[in-house]
N, C-alpha and C. Protein backbone atom coordinates (compact mmCIF):
# COMPACT_ATOMS: atom_id res chain seq x y z
N MET A 1 0.83 -1.19 0.00
CA MET A 1 0.00 0.00 0.00
C MET A 1 0.87 1.25 0.00
N THR A 2 0.43 2.22 -0.69
CA THR A 2 1.13 3.49 -0.76
C THR A 2 0.57 4.43 0.30
N GLN A 3 1.47 5.18 0.92
CA GLN A 3 1.03 6.14 1.91
C GLN A 3 0.18 7.20 1.23
N ARG A 4 -0.95 7.53 1.83
CA ARG A 4 -1.87 8.51 1.24
C ARG A 4 -1.37 9.93 1.42
N LEU A 5 -0.94 10.25 2.63
CA LEU A 5 -0.41 11.58 2.91
C LEU A 5 0.41 11.52 4.18
N ASP A 6 1.29 12.50 4.32
CA ASP A 6 2.10 12.60 5.53
C ASP A 6 1.39 13.59 6.45
N ILE A 7 0.45 13.07 7.20
CA ILE A 7 -0.44 13.90 8.01
C ILE A 7 0.31 14.80 8.99
N PHE A 8 1.40 14.29 9.54
CA PHE A 8 2.10 15.07 10.56
C PHE A 8 3.00 16.15 9.96
N SER A 9 3.44 15.98 8.74
CA SER A 9 4.15 17.07 8.06
C SER A 9 3.18 18.15 7.63
N LEU A 10 1.99 17.73 7.25
CA LEU A 10 0.97 18.68 6.81
C LEU A 10 0.34 19.43 7.99
N ALA A 11 0.30 18.79 9.14
CA ALA A 11 -0.30 19.39 10.34
C ALA A 11 0.61 19.13 11.54
N PRO A 12 1.80 19.77 11.57
CA PRO A 12 2.75 19.48 12.65
C PRO A 12 2.22 19.82 14.03
N ASP A 13 1.28 20.73 14.13
CA ASP A 13 0.70 21.06 15.42
C ASP A 13 -0.09 19.87 15.99
N LEU A 14 -0.71 19.06 15.14
CA LEU A 14 -1.38 17.85 15.60
C LEU A 14 -0.36 16.86 16.16
N TYR A 15 0.72 16.71 15.45
CA TYR A 15 1.79 15.80 15.90
C TYR A 15 2.31 16.24 17.27
N ARG A 16 2.64 17.51 17.41
CA ARG A 16 3.18 18.01 18.68
C ARG A 16 2.17 17.87 19.81
N ALA A 17 0.89 18.09 19.52
CA ALA A 17 -0.14 17.96 20.55
C ALA A 17 -0.25 16.52 21.04
N LEU A 18 -0.20 15.56 20.12
CA LEU A 18 -0.27 14.15 20.53
C LEU A 18 0.98 13.75 21.30
N VAL A 19 2.14 14.23 20.89
CA VAL A 19 3.37 13.93 21.62
C VAL A 19 3.28 14.47 23.04
N ARG A 20 2.81 15.71 23.20
CA ARG A 20 2.68 16.30 24.54
C ARG A 20 1.69 15.51 25.39
N MET A 21 0.59 15.09 24.79
CA MET A 21 -0.39 14.33 25.55
C MET A 21 0.19 12.98 25.97
N GLU A 22 0.92 12.32 25.07
CA GLU A 22 1.52 11.04 25.41
C GLU A 22 2.57 11.19 26.51
N GLN A 23 3.37 12.24 26.44
CA GLN A 23 4.38 12.47 27.47
C GLN A 23 3.73 12.70 28.83
N ALA A 24 2.64 13.46 28.85
CA ALA A 24 1.93 13.70 30.11
C ALA A 24 1.30 12.41 30.62
N ALA A 25 0.73 11.62 29.73
CA ALA A 25 0.03 10.39 30.14
C ALA A 25 0.99 9.34 30.68
N LYS A 26 2.19 9.25 30.14
CA LYS A 26 3.10 8.19 30.59
C LYS A 26 3.84 8.53 31.87
N LYS A 27 3.74 9.76 32.33
CA LYS A 27 4.43 10.19 33.54
C LYS A 27 4.01 9.32 34.72
N ASP A 28 5.00 8.74 35.40
CA ASP A 28 4.78 7.89 36.58
C ASP A 28 4.05 6.58 36.28
N LEU A 29 3.90 6.22 35.01
CA LEU A 29 3.27 4.95 34.67
C LEU A 29 4.37 3.92 34.44
N ASP A 30 4.15 2.71 34.87
CA ASP A 30 5.12 1.62 34.69
C ASP A 30 5.50 1.53 33.21
N PRO A 31 6.79 1.65 32.87
CA PRO A 31 7.20 1.63 31.46
C PRO A 31 6.87 0.32 30.74
N VAL A 32 6.83 -0.79 31.45
CA VAL A 32 6.46 -2.07 30.82
C VAL A 32 4.99 -2.03 30.42
N VAL A 33 4.14 -1.58 31.33
CA VAL A 33 2.71 -1.46 31.04
C VAL A 33 2.51 -0.48 29.88
N PHE A 34 3.22 0.63 29.91
CA PHE A 34 3.14 1.65 28.86
C PHE A 34 3.38 1.03 27.48
N GLU A 35 4.43 0.25 27.34
CA GLU A 35 4.74 -0.36 26.04
C GLU A 35 3.75 -1.45 25.67
N LEU A 36 3.37 -2.29 26.63
CA LEU A 36 2.44 -3.38 26.34
C LEU A 36 1.09 -2.88 25.86
N VAL A 37 0.55 -1.86 26.51
CA VAL A 37 -0.79 -1.39 26.11
C VAL A 37 -0.75 -0.68 24.76
N LYS A 38 0.33 0.02 24.47
CA LYS A 38 0.43 0.67 23.15
C LYS A 38 0.51 -0.38 22.05
N LEU A 39 1.27 -1.43 22.29
CA LEU A 39 1.38 -2.49 21.29
C LEU A 39 0.06 -3.22 21.14
N ARG A 40 -0.60 -3.53 22.25
CA ARG A 40 -1.86 -4.28 22.17
C ARG A 40 -2.93 -3.48 21.44
N ALA A 41 -3.07 -2.20 21.74
CA ALA A 41 -4.06 -1.37 21.03
C ALA A 41 -3.73 -1.32 19.54
N SER A 42 -2.47 -1.21 19.21
CA SER A 42 -2.05 -1.16 17.81
C SER A 42 -2.37 -2.46 17.09
N GLN A 43 -2.23 -3.60 17.77
CA GLN A 43 -2.61 -4.88 17.18
C GLN A 43 -4.11 -4.90 16.88
N ILE A 44 -4.90 -4.48 17.84
CA ILE A 44 -6.36 -4.47 17.67
C ILE A 44 -6.76 -3.57 16.51
N ASN A 45 -6.10 -2.43 16.38
CA ASN A 45 -6.43 -1.46 15.34
C ASN A 45 -5.76 -1.76 14.00
N HIS A 46 -5.01 -2.84 13.93
CA HIS A 46 -4.33 -3.24 12.69
C HIS A 46 -3.42 -2.14 12.15
N CYS A 47 -2.73 -1.47 13.06
CA CYS A 47 -1.85 -0.37 12.67
C CYS A 47 -0.42 -0.91 12.53
N ALA A 48 -0.04 -1.26 11.31
CA ALA A 48 1.27 -1.85 11.06
C ALA A 48 2.40 -0.93 11.50
N PHE A 49 2.28 0.36 11.22
CA PHE A 49 3.33 1.30 11.61
C PHE A 49 3.55 1.28 13.12
N CYS A 50 2.46 1.34 13.88
CA CYS A 50 2.58 1.38 15.34
C CYS A 50 2.97 0.02 15.93
N ILE A 51 2.54 -1.07 15.31
CA ILE A 51 2.97 -2.40 15.77
C ILE A 51 4.49 -2.50 15.61
N ASP A 52 4.99 -2.08 14.46
CA ASP A 52 6.43 -2.10 14.21
C ASP A 52 7.15 -1.25 15.25
N MET A 53 6.68 -0.02 15.45
CA MET A 53 7.31 0.91 16.38
C MET A 53 7.31 0.37 17.81
N HIS A 54 6.15 -0.03 18.29
CA HIS A 54 6.04 -0.38 19.71
C HIS A 54 6.63 -1.75 20.03
N SER A 55 6.67 -2.65 19.07
CA SER A 55 7.36 -3.91 19.33
C SER A 55 8.87 -3.67 19.41
N LYS A 56 9.38 -2.78 18.57
CA LYS A 56 10.81 -2.46 18.62
C LYS A 56 11.17 -1.69 19.89
N ASP A 57 10.31 -0.74 20.27
CA ASP A 57 10.56 0.01 21.51
C ASP A 57 10.50 -0.91 22.73
N ALA A 58 9.54 -1.83 22.74
CA ALA A 58 9.42 -2.76 23.86
C ALA A 58 10.65 -3.67 23.94
N ARG A 59 11.11 -4.16 22.80
CA ARG A 59 12.31 -5.00 22.76
C ARG A 59 13.51 -4.21 23.27
N ALA A 60 13.66 -2.98 22.81
CA ALA A 60 14.78 -2.14 23.23
C ALA A 60 14.74 -1.86 24.73
N ALA A 61 13.54 -1.85 25.30
CA ALA A 61 13.37 -1.62 26.73
C ALA A 61 13.53 -2.90 27.54
N GLY A 62 13.81 -4.03 26.85
CA GLY A 62 14.07 -5.27 27.57
C GLY A 62 12.94 -6.28 27.57
N GLU A 63 11.86 -6.01 26.86
CA GLU A 63 10.75 -6.95 26.81
C GLU A 63 11.19 -8.23 26.11
N THR A 64 10.64 -9.36 26.55
CA THR A 64 11.04 -10.64 25.97
C THR A 64 10.28 -10.92 24.68
N GLU A 65 10.92 -11.69 23.82
CA GLU A 65 10.29 -12.11 22.57
C GLU A 65 9.02 -12.89 22.84
N GLN A 66 9.06 -13.80 23.81
CA GLN A 66 7.91 -14.63 24.11
C GLN A 66 6.69 -13.80 24.46
N ARG A 67 6.87 -12.83 25.33
CA ARG A 67 5.73 -11.98 25.74
C ARG A 67 5.22 -11.14 24.58
N LEU A 68 6.12 -10.69 23.73
CA LEU A 68 5.69 -9.92 22.56
C LEU A 68 4.92 -10.79 21.57
N TYR A 69 5.43 -11.99 21.30
CA TYR A 69 4.76 -12.88 20.36
C TYR A 69 3.38 -13.30 20.84
N LEU A 70 3.23 -13.45 22.14
CA LEU A 70 1.97 -13.95 22.68
C LEU A 70 1.02 -12.86 23.17
N LEU A 71 1.38 -11.62 22.97
CA LEU A 71 0.56 -10.53 23.48
C LEU A 71 -0.86 -10.55 22.95
N ASN A 72 -1.03 -10.89 21.68
CA ASN A 72 -2.39 -10.89 21.14
C ASN A 72 -3.25 -12.05 21.68
N ALA A 73 -2.64 -12.95 22.45
CA ALA A 73 -3.37 -14.03 23.10
C ALA A 73 -3.06 -14.05 24.60
N TRP A 74 -2.88 -12.89 25.18
CA TRP A 74 -2.43 -12.76 26.58
C TRP A 74 -3.34 -13.49 27.56
N GLU A 75 -4.63 -13.54 27.27
CA GLU A 75 -5.55 -14.21 28.21
C GLU A 75 -5.32 -15.72 28.27
N GLU A 76 -4.72 -16.28 27.23
CA GLU A 76 -4.46 -17.72 27.19
C GLU A 76 -3.16 -18.09 27.89
N VAL A 77 -2.34 -17.11 28.21
CA VAL A 77 -1.05 -17.36 28.88
C VAL A 77 -0.89 -16.42 30.08
N PRO A 78 -1.80 -16.48 31.03
CA PRO A 78 -1.77 -15.53 32.14
C PRO A 78 -0.50 -15.62 32.98
N HIS A 79 0.18 -16.75 32.94
CA HIS A 79 1.41 -16.89 33.72
C HIS A 79 2.54 -16.02 33.17
N LEU A 80 2.40 -15.52 31.96
CA LEU A 80 3.45 -14.67 31.37
C LEU A 80 3.29 -13.19 31.72
N TYR A 81 2.13 -12.80 32.21
CA TYR A 81 1.85 -11.39 32.49
C TYR A 81 1.38 -11.24 33.93
N THR A 82 1.80 -10.18 34.57
CA THR A 82 1.38 -9.95 35.96
C THR A 82 -0.11 -9.62 35.99
N GLU A 83 -0.69 -9.71 37.18
CA GLU A 83 -2.09 -9.33 37.34
C GLU A 83 -2.31 -7.88 36.91
N LYS A 84 -1.36 -7.02 37.26
CA LYS A 84 -1.47 -5.61 36.89
C LYS A 84 -1.43 -5.45 35.36
N GLU A 85 -0.53 -6.16 34.71
CA GLU A 85 -0.45 -6.09 33.24
C GLU A 85 -1.73 -6.63 32.60
N GLN A 86 -2.26 -7.72 33.16
CA GLN A 86 -3.50 -8.29 32.63
C GLN A 86 -4.66 -7.30 32.77
N ALA A 87 -4.72 -6.62 33.90
CA ALA A 87 -5.78 -5.62 34.10
C ALA A 87 -5.63 -4.48 33.09
N ALA A 88 -4.41 -4.05 32.86
CA ALA A 88 -4.16 -2.98 31.89
C ALA A 88 -4.51 -3.44 30.47
N LEU A 89 -4.20 -4.68 30.14
CA LEU A 89 -4.51 -5.20 28.81
C LEU A 89 -6.02 -5.35 28.61
N ALA A 90 -6.73 -5.79 29.65
CA ALA A 90 -8.19 -5.89 29.56
C ALA A 90 -8.79 -4.50 29.34
N LEU A 91 -8.28 -3.51 30.07
CA LEU A 91 -8.78 -2.14 29.89
C LEU A 91 -8.43 -1.63 28.50
N THR A 92 -7.26 -1.95 28.01
CA THR A 92 -6.85 -1.56 26.66
C THR A 92 -7.85 -2.07 25.63
N GLU A 93 -8.20 -3.33 25.74
CA GLU A 93 -9.13 -3.91 24.78
C GLU A 93 -10.50 -3.28 24.88
N ALA A 94 -10.98 -3.01 26.09
CA ALA A 94 -12.29 -2.40 26.26
C ALA A 94 -12.33 -0.97 25.72
N VAL A 95 -11.29 -0.20 26.00
CA VAL A 95 -11.23 1.19 25.54
C VAL A 95 -11.05 1.25 24.02
N THR A 96 -10.27 0.34 23.48
CA THR A 96 -9.97 0.36 22.05
C THR A 96 -11.16 -0.11 21.20
N VAL A 97 -11.83 -1.14 21.64
CA VAL A 97 -12.90 -1.72 20.84
C VAL A 97 -14.25 -1.05 21.10
N LEU A 98 -14.57 -0.78 22.34
CA LEU A 98 -15.85 -0.17 22.72
C LEU A 98 -17.04 -0.84 22.04
N THR A 99 -17.05 -2.17 22.00
CA THR A 99 -18.10 -2.90 21.29
C THR A 99 -19.50 -2.63 21.85
N ASP A 100 -19.59 -2.44 23.14
CA ASP A 100 -20.89 -2.17 23.74
C ASP A 100 -21.14 -0.68 23.93
N GLY A 101 -20.22 0.14 23.44
CA GLY A 101 -20.37 1.58 23.58
C GLY A 101 -19.87 2.11 24.90
N PHE A 102 -19.29 1.26 25.73
CA PHE A 102 -18.77 1.69 27.02
C PHE A 102 -17.75 0.69 27.52
N VAL A 103 -17.02 1.07 28.54
CA VAL A 103 -16.08 0.16 29.19
C VAL A 103 -16.84 -0.53 30.32
N PRO A 104 -16.92 -1.85 30.28
CA PRO A 104 -17.67 -2.57 31.33
C PRO A 104 -17.14 -2.29 32.73
N ASP A 105 -18.03 -2.23 33.69
CA ASP A 105 -17.66 -1.98 35.08
C ASP A 105 -16.63 -2.98 35.58
N ALA A 106 -16.80 -4.24 35.24
CA ALA A 106 -15.87 -5.27 35.74
C ALA A 106 -14.45 -5.03 35.25
N VAL A 107 -14.31 -4.58 34.01
CA VAL A 107 -12.99 -4.30 33.45
C VAL A 107 -12.38 -3.09 34.14
N TYR A 108 -13.18 -2.05 34.31
CA TYR A 108 -12.70 -0.84 34.99
C TYR A 108 -12.30 -1.15 36.43
N GLU A 109 -13.15 -1.88 37.13
CA GLU A 109 -12.88 -2.21 38.54
C GLU A 109 -11.64 -3.09 38.68
N ARG A 110 -11.41 -3.99 37.73
CA ARG A 110 -10.20 -4.81 37.74
C ARG A 110 -8.97 -3.92 37.64
N ALA A 111 -9.01 -2.95 36.76
CA ALA A 111 -7.88 -2.03 36.61
C ALA A 111 -7.72 -1.18 37.88
N ALA A 112 -8.82 -0.75 38.45
CA ALA A 112 -8.77 0.11 39.64
C ALA A 112 -8.15 -0.60 40.85
N VAL A 113 -8.19 -1.92 40.85
CA VAL A 113 -7.55 -2.69 41.92
C VAL A 113 -6.03 -2.58 41.83
N HIS A 114 -5.50 -2.51 40.61
CA HIS A 114 -4.06 -2.56 40.39
C HIS A 114 -3.40 -1.20 40.15
N PHE A 115 -4.19 -0.18 39.88
CA PHE A 115 -3.66 1.15 39.61
C PHE A 115 -4.33 2.15 40.54
N ASP A 116 -3.54 3.02 41.17
CA ASP A 116 -4.19 4.05 41.97
C ASP A 116 -4.87 5.03 41.01
N GLU A 117 -5.64 5.97 41.53
CA GLU A 117 -6.44 6.84 40.67
C GLU A 117 -5.57 7.65 39.70
N GLN A 118 -4.44 8.14 40.17
CA GLN A 118 -3.55 8.91 39.29
C GLN A 118 -3.00 8.02 38.17
N GLU A 119 -2.54 6.81 38.51
CA GLU A 119 -2.03 5.88 37.49
C GLU A 119 -3.13 5.52 36.50
N LEU A 120 -4.33 5.29 37.01
CA LEU A 120 -5.45 4.91 36.15
C LEU A 120 -5.79 6.05 35.19
N ALA A 121 -5.77 7.27 35.69
CA ALA A 121 -6.02 8.43 34.82
C ALA A 121 -4.97 8.49 33.71
N ARG A 122 -3.73 8.26 34.07
CA ARG A 122 -2.65 8.30 33.07
C ARG A 122 -2.75 7.13 32.09
N LEU A 123 -3.12 5.95 32.59
CA LEU A 123 -3.30 4.80 31.71
C LEU A 123 -4.41 5.09 30.69
N ILE A 124 -5.51 5.64 31.14
CA ILE A 124 -6.60 5.99 30.23
C ILE A 124 -6.11 7.03 29.21
N GLY A 125 -5.27 7.96 29.65
CA GLY A 125 -4.68 8.92 28.72
C GLY A 125 -3.81 8.26 27.67
N VAL A 126 -2.99 7.30 28.09
CA VAL A 126 -2.14 6.56 27.14
C VAL A 126 -3.02 5.82 26.13
N LEU A 127 -4.08 5.18 26.60
CA LEU A 127 -4.97 4.45 25.71
C LEU A 127 -5.67 5.39 24.73
N THR A 128 -6.03 6.56 25.19
CA THR A 128 -6.66 7.54 24.32
C THR A 128 -5.70 7.99 23.22
N VAL A 129 -4.47 8.30 23.61
CA VAL A 129 -3.52 8.83 22.63
C VAL A 129 -3.05 7.75 21.66
N ILE A 130 -2.85 6.50 22.10
CA ILE A 130 -2.41 5.47 21.16
C ILE A 130 -3.51 5.19 20.15
N ASN A 131 -4.75 5.24 20.58
CA ASN A 131 -5.84 5.05 19.63
C ASN A 131 -5.90 6.19 18.62
N ALA A 132 -5.58 7.40 19.04
CA ALA A 132 -5.50 8.53 18.09
C ALA A 132 -4.36 8.31 17.11
N TRP A 133 -3.16 7.96 17.61
CA TRP A 133 -2.02 7.68 16.73
C TRP A 133 -2.39 6.60 15.72
N ASN A 134 -2.99 5.49 16.21
CA ASN A 134 -3.36 4.38 15.33
C ASN A 134 -4.31 4.83 14.23
N ARG A 135 -5.31 5.59 14.58
CA ARG A 135 -6.31 6.00 13.59
C ARG A 135 -5.71 6.91 12.54
N MET A 136 -4.81 7.78 12.95
CA MET A 136 -4.15 8.65 11.97
C MET A 136 -3.22 7.85 11.06
N ALA A 137 -2.45 6.94 11.63
CA ALA A 137 -1.51 6.15 10.82
C ALA A 137 -2.24 5.20 9.88
N VAL A 138 -3.31 4.56 10.35
CA VAL A 138 -4.07 3.64 9.50
C VAL A 138 -4.76 4.41 8.38
N THR A 139 -5.37 5.53 8.70
CA THR A 139 -6.08 6.32 7.70
C THR A 139 -5.15 6.86 6.62
N SER A 140 -3.97 7.31 7.04
CA SER A 140 -3.02 7.88 6.08
C SER A 140 -2.11 6.82 5.46
N ARG A 141 -2.24 5.57 5.94
CA ARG A 141 -1.42 4.44 5.48
C ARG A 141 0.08 4.73 5.64
N THR A 142 0.44 5.15 6.85
CA THR A 142 1.84 5.43 7.16
C THR A 142 2.66 4.17 6.95
N LYS A 143 3.75 4.31 6.21
CA LYS A 143 4.61 3.17 5.86
C LYS A 143 5.25 2.57 7.11
N ALA A 144 5.18 1.26 7.22
CA ALA A 144 5.75 0.54 8.36
C ALA A 144 7.05 -0.15 7.98
N GLY A 145 7.87 -0.41 9.00
CA GLY A 145 9.03 -1.24 8.82
C GLY A 145 10.37 -0.58 9.01
N ASP A 146 10.43 0.73 8.87
CA ASP A 146 11.71 1.43 8.93
C ASP A 146 12.02 2.05 10.28
N TYR A 147 11.11 1.99 11.21
CA TYR A 147 11.28 2.65 12.51
C TYR A 147 12.47 2.07 13.27
N GLN A 148 13.21 2.95 13.92
CA GLN A 148 14.31 2.58 14.81
C GLN A 148 13.94 3.03 16.22
N PRO A 149 14.17 2.20 17.25
CA PRO A 149 13.80 2.57 18.62
C PRO A 149 14.31 3.95 19.01
N GLY A 150 13.41 4.74 19.59
CA GLY A 150 13.76 6.08 20.04
C GLY A 150 13.80 7.14 18.96
N GLN A 151 13.48 6.78 17.76
CA GLN A 151 13.58 7.67 16.60
C GLN A 151 12.86 9.00 16.78
N TYR A 152 11.72 9.01 17.43
CA TYR A 152 10.90 10.24 17.53
C TYR A 152 11.01 10.93 18.88
N GLU A 153 11.85 10.45 19.77
CA GLU A 153 11.89 10.99 21.13
C GLU A 153 12.25 12.47 21.20
N GLN A 154 13.04 12.97 20.30
CA GLN A 154 13.48 14.37 20.36
C GLN A 154 12.63 15.31 19.53
N GLN A 155 11.55 14.81 18.92
CA GLN A 155 10.78 15.63 17.99
C GLN A 155 9.57 16.32 18.61
N ALA A 156 9.46 16.35 19.89
CA ALA A 156 8.31 17.00 20.52
C ALA A 156 8.46 18.44 20.37
């Protein structure tokens, strides 16, 4: 597929706004959870660019190949993910898919057990921003495969 447009070059203020929101959302959030939820949302949204980016960033941060390969089936291998990670992944799926038009109480309450209110607010922020990134990249057909870990860190 050919990229339709370079949305962030055409609207750099949108890019900077999303970067600022992501930086604020990840503050004080467990970096492992941060990478796992971004990758999982990107898998659900079929965003090849973001899957490439976040799998490479997670690997560079020390994530194991096994956990990355099995992330899309995390519920079938609960021994590989902590209870906190599982709660974050369940919330990721609920926020990303919104099949019933809302996040079920049980999913929210599960996350609230493992994250204090500030962490939960930031996690919801991360989920909001990764879904925005995914939708922009999928819509514009951003080319995947060339990303190098940390490539965009200085572009805020």
